[in-house]
């Protein structure tokens, strides 16, 4: 008999996102500036470093809580990346 693959089901309230090894598309820019130098490419076996925002699974209420948390922490979310929400001192907003 062969064993069936198992899938761990996330706990209720979890938000599951897809991951990527490389930023896609590679010519992506933010605020008119290329992101390619800031996000270097990885080998085929390198670490998964980037969130694939096209793959998100969650109950609606859980995803809403996550987005509210992000908008509370980052004043210009979703129009600015977290590194652009830093204070002049370089510290992230409290939260």
N, C-alpha and C. Protein backbone atom coordinates (compact mmCIF):
# COMPACT_ATOMS: atom_id res chain seq x y z
N UNK A 1 0.84 -1.18 0.00
CA UNK A 1 0.00 0.00 0.00
C UNK A 1 0.88 1.24 0.00
N UNK A 2 0.49 2.22 -0.77
CA UNK A 2 1.24 3.47 -0.80
C UNK A 2 0.58 4.48 0.13
N UNK A 3 1.41 5.28 0.74
CA UNK A 3 0.91 6.30 1.66
C UNK A 3 0.41 7.49 0.86
N UNK A 4 -0.71 8.02 1.25
CA UNK A 4 -1.24 9.22 0.62
C UNK A 4 -0.48 10.43 1.16
N UNK A 5 -0.21 11.42 0.31
CA UNK A 5 0.44 12.63 0.83
C UNK A 5 -0.46 13.32 1.85
N UNK A 6 0.14 13.93 2.82
CA UNK A 6 -0.64 14.63 3.81
C UNK A 6 -0.52 16.13 3.61
N UNK A 7 -1.53 16.84 3.99
CA UNK A 7 -1.54 18.29 3.89
C UNK A 7 -1.91 18.82 5.26
N UNK A 8 -1.07 19.70 5.78
CA UNK A 8 -1.39 20.33 7.05
C UNK A 8 -2.39 21.44 6.80
N UNK A 9 -3.50 21.37 7.49
CA UNK A 9 -4.52 22.41 7.37
C UNK A 9 -4.19 23.50 8.39
N UNK A 10 -4.04 24.76 7.92
CA UNK A 10 -3.73 25.84 8.86
C UNK A 10 -4.84 26.01 9.90
N UNK A 11 -4.46 26.54 11.02
CA UNK A 11 -5.42 26.81 12.09
C UNK A 11 -6.44 27.83 11.63
N UNK A 12 -7.61 27.73 12.21
CA UNK A 12 -8.67 28.70 11.89
C UNK A 12 -8.13 30.11 12.16
N UNK A 13 -8.39 31.03 11.26
CA UNK A 13 -7.91 32.40 11.41
C UNK A 13 -6.57 32.66 10.73
N UNK A 14 -5.94 31.61 10.20
CA UNK A 14 -4.63 31.77 9.55
C UNK A 14 -4.79 32.42 8.18
N UNK A 15 -3.74 33.10 7.75
CA UNK A 15 -3.66 33.65 6.40
C UNK A 15 -2.49 32.94 5.73
N UNK A 16 -2.74 32.29 4.61
CA UNK A 16 -1.71 31.54 3.88
C UNK A 16 -1.39 32.30 2.61
N UNK A 17 -0.09 32.54 2.37
CA UNK A 17 0.34 33.25 1.16
C UNK A 17 1.37 32.40 0.41
N UNK A 18 1.43 32.59 -0.90
CA UNK A 18 2.42 31.92 -1.71
C UNK A 18 3.75 32.65 -1.61
N UNK A 19 4.83 31.93 -1.87
CA UNK A 19 6.18 32.50 -1.81
C UNK A 19 6.90 32.31 -3.13
N UNK A 20 7.86 33.16 -3.39
CA UNK A 20 8.67 33.11 -4.60
C UNK A 20 10.14 33.24 -4.23
N UNK A 21 11.00 32.69 -5.08
CA UNK A 21 12.45 32.85 -4.89
C UNK A 21 12.93 34.19 -5.45
N UNK A 22 12.24 34.70 -6.46
CA UNK A 22 12.67 35.93 -7.13
C UNK A 22 11.51 36.89 -7.25
N UNK A 23 11.82 38.18 -7.32
CA UNK A 23 10.81 39.20 -7.53
C UNK A 23 10.29 39.04 -8.96
N UNK A 24 8.96 39.10 -9.13
CA UNK A 24 8.38 38.95 -10.45
C UNK A 24 7.33 40.01 -10.67
N UNK A 25 7.28 40.68 -11.80
CA UNK A 25 8.23 40.54 -12.90
C UNK A 25 9.56 41.21 -12.58
N UNK A 26 10.63 40.75 -13.21
CA UNK A 26 11.96 41.26 -12.87
C UNK A 26 12.13 42.75 -13.14
N UNK A 27 11.35 43.33 -14.04
CA UNK A 27 11.47 44.76 -14.34
C UNK A 27 10.55 45.61 -13.47
N UNK A 28 10.06 45.07 -12.36
CA UNK A 28 9.13 45.79 -11.49
C UNK A 28 9.76 47.07 -10.94
N UNK A 29 8.92 48.08 -10.78
CA UNK A 29 9.40 49.34 -10.21
C UNK A 29 8.39 49.85 -9.18
N UNK A 30 8.86 50.71 -8.31
CA UNK A 30 8.01 51.36 -7.31
C UNK A 30 8.38 52.82 -7.28
N UNK A 31 7.40 53.68 -7.39
CA UNK A 31 7.62 55.12 -7.35
C UNK A 31 8.62 55.55 -8.43
N UNK A 32 8.55 54.89 -9.59
CA UNK A 32 9.41 55.23 -10.72
C UNK A 32 10.82 54.69 -10.66
N UNK A 33 11.14 53.89 -9.63
CA UNK A 33 12.50 53.36 -9.48
C UNK A 33 12.49 51.85 -9.62
N UNK A 34 13.46 51.31 -10.37
CA UNK A 34 13.58 49.87 -10.55
C UNK A 34 13.89 49.19 -9.22
N UNK A 35 13.28 48.04 -9.00
CA UNK A 35 13.52 47.30 -7.77
C UNK A 35 14.53 46.17 -7.96
N UNK A 36 15.05 45.98 -9.17
CA UNK A 36 15.91 44.84 -9.45
C UNK A 36 17.19 44.80 -8.60
N UNK A 37 17.80 45.93 -8.31
CA UNK A 37 19.02 45.92 -7.48
C UNK A 37 18.70 45.65 -6.02
N UNK A 38 17.57 46.11 -5.59
CA UNK A 38 17.18 45.96 -4.19
C UNK A 38 16.76 44.53 -3.86
N UNK A 39 16.27 43.80 -4.86
CA UNK A 39 15.78 42.44 -4.66
C UNK A 39 16.52 41.50 -5.61
N UNK A 40 17.70 41.04 -5.21
CA UNK A 40 18.51 40.20 -6.10
C UNK A 40 17.86 38.85 -6.39
N UNK A 41 18.23 38.27 -7.54
CA UNK A 41 17.68 36.97 -7.91
C UNK A 41 18.34 35.87 -7.09
N UNK A 42 17.67 34.75 -7.02
CA UNK A 42 18.12 33.61 -6.24
C UNK A 42 18.27 32.41 -7.17
N UNK A 43 19.05 31.43 -6.78
CA UNK A 43 19.19 30.21 -7.59
C UNK A 43 17.90 29.41 -7.51
N UNK A 44 17.79 28.39 -8.35
CA UNK A 44 16.59 27.54 -8.38
C UNK A 44 16.36 26.83 -7.05
N UNK A 45 17.40 26.68 -6.25
CA UNK A 45 17.24 26.02 -4.95
C UNK A 45 17.41 26.99 -3.79
N UNK A 46 17.48 28.28 -4.12
CA UNK A 46 17.67 29.30 -3.09
C UNK A 46 16.44 29.46 -2.20
N UNK A 47 16.55 30.32 -1.20
CA UNK A 47 15.44 30.49 -0.26
C UNK A 47 14.23 31.17 -0.89
N UNK A 48 13.07 30.87 -0.36
CA UNK A 48 11.85 31.56 -0.75
C UNK A 48 11.82 32.86 0.03
N UNK A 49 11.93 34.00 -0.67
CA UNK A 49 12.10 35.28 0.02
C UNK A 49 10.97 36.28 -0.19
N UNK A 50 10.18 36.10 -1.22
CA UNK A 50 9.21 37.12 -1.57
C UNK A 50 7.79 36.57 -1.53
N UNK A 51 6.85 37.39 -1.10
CA UNK A 51 5.44 37.00 -1.06
C UNK A 51 4.84 37.14 -2.44
N UNK A 52 4.08 36.15 -2.86
CA UNK A 52 3.33 36.20 -4.10
C UNK A 52 1.94 36.69 -3.74
N UNK A 53 1.70 37.98 -3.93
CA UNK A 53 0.42 38.55 -3.50
C UNK A 53 -0.76 38.04 -4.32
N UNK A 54 -0.49 37.33 -5.40
CA UNK A 54 -1.56 36.73 -6.19
C UNK A 54 -2.06 35.42 -5.60
N UNK A 55 -1.40 34.92 -4.58
CA UNK A 55 -1.81 33.68 -3.94
C UNK A 55 -2.01 33.94 -2.45
N UNK A 56 -3.25 34.17 -2.07
CA UNK A 56 -3.61 34.39 -0.67
C UNK A 56 -4.85 33.57 -0.37
N UNK A 57 -4.79 32.80 0.70
CA UNK A 57 -5.95 32.03 1.15
C UNK A 57 -6.22 32.37 2.61
N UNK A 58 -7.46 32.70 2.89
CA UNK A 58 -7.86 33.01 4.26
C UNK A 58 -9.36 33.19 4.31
N UNK A 59 -9.90 33.04 5.49
CA UNK A 59 -11.29 33.44 5.68
C UNK A 59 -11.32 34.96 5.54
N UNK A 60 -12.39 35.50 5.02
CA UNK A 60 -12.48 36.94 4.76
C UNK A 60 -12.17 37.75 6.03
N UNK A 61 -12.70 37.34 7.15
CA UNK A 61 -12.49 38.09 8.40
C UNK A 61 -11.01 38.10 8.79
N UNK A 62 -10.30 36.99 8.56
CA UNK A 62 -8.87 36.92 8.90
C UNK A 62 -8.05 37.84 8.01
N UNK A 63 -8.35 37.84 6.73
CA UNK A 63 -7.63 38.71 5.81
C UNK A 63 -7.94 40.17 6.11
N UNK A 64 -9.17 40.48 6.43
CA UNK A 64 -9.54 41.85 6.81
C UNK A 64 -8.77 42.31 8.04
N UNK A 65 -8.61 41.43 9.05
CA UNK A 65 -7.83 41.78 10.25
C UNK A 65 -6.38 42.06 9.90
N UNK A 66 -5.80 41.24 9.02
CA UNK A 66 -4.41 41.45 8.60
C UNK A 66 -4.25 42.79 7.89
N UNK A 67 -5.14 43.10 6.97
CA UNK A 67 -5.05 44.36 6.23
C UNK A 67 -5.27 45.56 7.16
N UNK A 68 -6.17 45.45 8.11
CA UNK A 68 -6.37 46.54 9.08
C UNK A 68 -5.11 46.75 9.91
N UNK A 69 -4.49 45.65 10.33
CA UNK A 69 -3.25 45.74 11.11
C UNK A 69 -2.18 46.45 10.30
N UNK A 70 -2.03 46.09 9.02
CA UNK A 70 -1.01 46.70 8.18
C UNK A 70 -1.30 48.18 7.96
N UNK A 71 -2.56 48.54 7.78
CA UNK A 71 -2.88 49.96 7.55
C UNK A 71 -2.70 50.78 8.83
N UNK A 72 -2.84 50.15 9.98
CA UNK A 72 -2.59 50.85 11.25
C UNK A 72 -1.10 51.08 11.45
N UNK A 73 -0.30 50.08 11.14
CA UNK A 73 1.15 50.17 11.34
C UNK A 73 1.83 51.07 10.31
N UNK A 74 1.39 51.01 9.07
CA UNK A 74 2.03 51.76 7.99
C UNK A 74 1.05 52.80 7.46
N UNK A 75 1.26 54.04 7.80
CA UNK A 75 0.32 55.13 7.53
C UNK A 75 -0.09 55.22 6.06
N UNK A 76 0.79 54.96 5.14
CA UNK A 76 0.44 55.11 3.72
C UNK A 76 0.10 53.78 3.05
N UNK A 77 -0.06 52.70 3.82
CA UNK A 77 -0.43 51.41 3.25
C UNK A 77 -1.81 51.50 2.62
N UNK A 78 -2.06 50.98 1.45
CA UNK A 78 -1.19 50.14 0.64
C UNK A 78 -0.42 50.90 -0.43
N UNK A 79 -0.41 52.23 -0.35
CA UNK A 79 0.25 53.02 -1.39
C UNK A 79 1.75 53.17 -1.20
N UNK A 80 2.30 52.66 -0.10
CA UNK A 80 3.74 52.74 0.14
C UNK A 80 4.21 51.43 0.76
N UNK A 81 5.39 51.02 0.37
CA UNK A 81 5.97 49.82 0.97
C UNK A 81 6.43 50.15 2.38
N UNK A 82 6.51 49.17 3.28
CA UNK A 82 6.95 49.45 4.66
C UNK A 82 8.25 50.23 4.76
N UNK A 83 9.23 49.97 3.89
CA UNK A 83 10.49 50.70 4.01
C UNK A 83 10.29 52.18 3.71
N UNK A 84 9.23 52.54 3.01
CA UNK A 84 8.94 53.94 2.72
C UNK A 84 8.14 54.58 3.85
N UNK A 85 7.68 53.78 4.80
CA UNK A 85 6.90 54.31 5.93
C UNK A 85 7.77 54.57 7.14
N UNK A 86 9.08 54.36 7.00
CA UNK A 86 9.98 54.56 8.13
C UNK A 86 10.12 56.03 8.47
N UNK A 87 10.35 56.29 9.73
CA UNK A 87 10.59 57.66 10.19
C UNK A 87 11.98 58.10 9.75
N UNK A 88 12.24 59.39 9.83
CA UNK A 88 13.55 59.93 9.44
C UNK A 88 14.68 59.26 10.20
N UNK A 89 14.41 58.83 11.45
CA UNK A 89 15.44 58.17 12.25
C UNK A 89 15.73 56.76 11.75
N UNK A 90 14.87 56.24 10.85
CA UNK A 90 15.04 54.88 10.36
C UNK A 90 14.19 53.88 11.13
N UNK A 91 13.57 54.30 12.23
CA UNK A 91 12.75 53.40 13.04
C UNK A 91 11.37 53.23 12.40
N UNK A 92 10.84 52.03 12.49
CA UNK A 92 9.47 51.79 12.00
C UNK A 92 8.48 52.38 12.99
N UNK A 93 7.30 52.75 12.50
CA UNK A 93 6.27 53.24 13.43
C UNK A 93 5.97 52.18 14.48
N UNK A 94 5.59 52.60 15.67
CA UNK A 94 5.26 51.66 16.73
C UNK A 94 4.06 50.82 16.32
N UNK A 95 4.03 49.59 16.81
CA UNK A 95 2.87 48.76 16.50
C UNK A 95 3.21 47.40 16.43
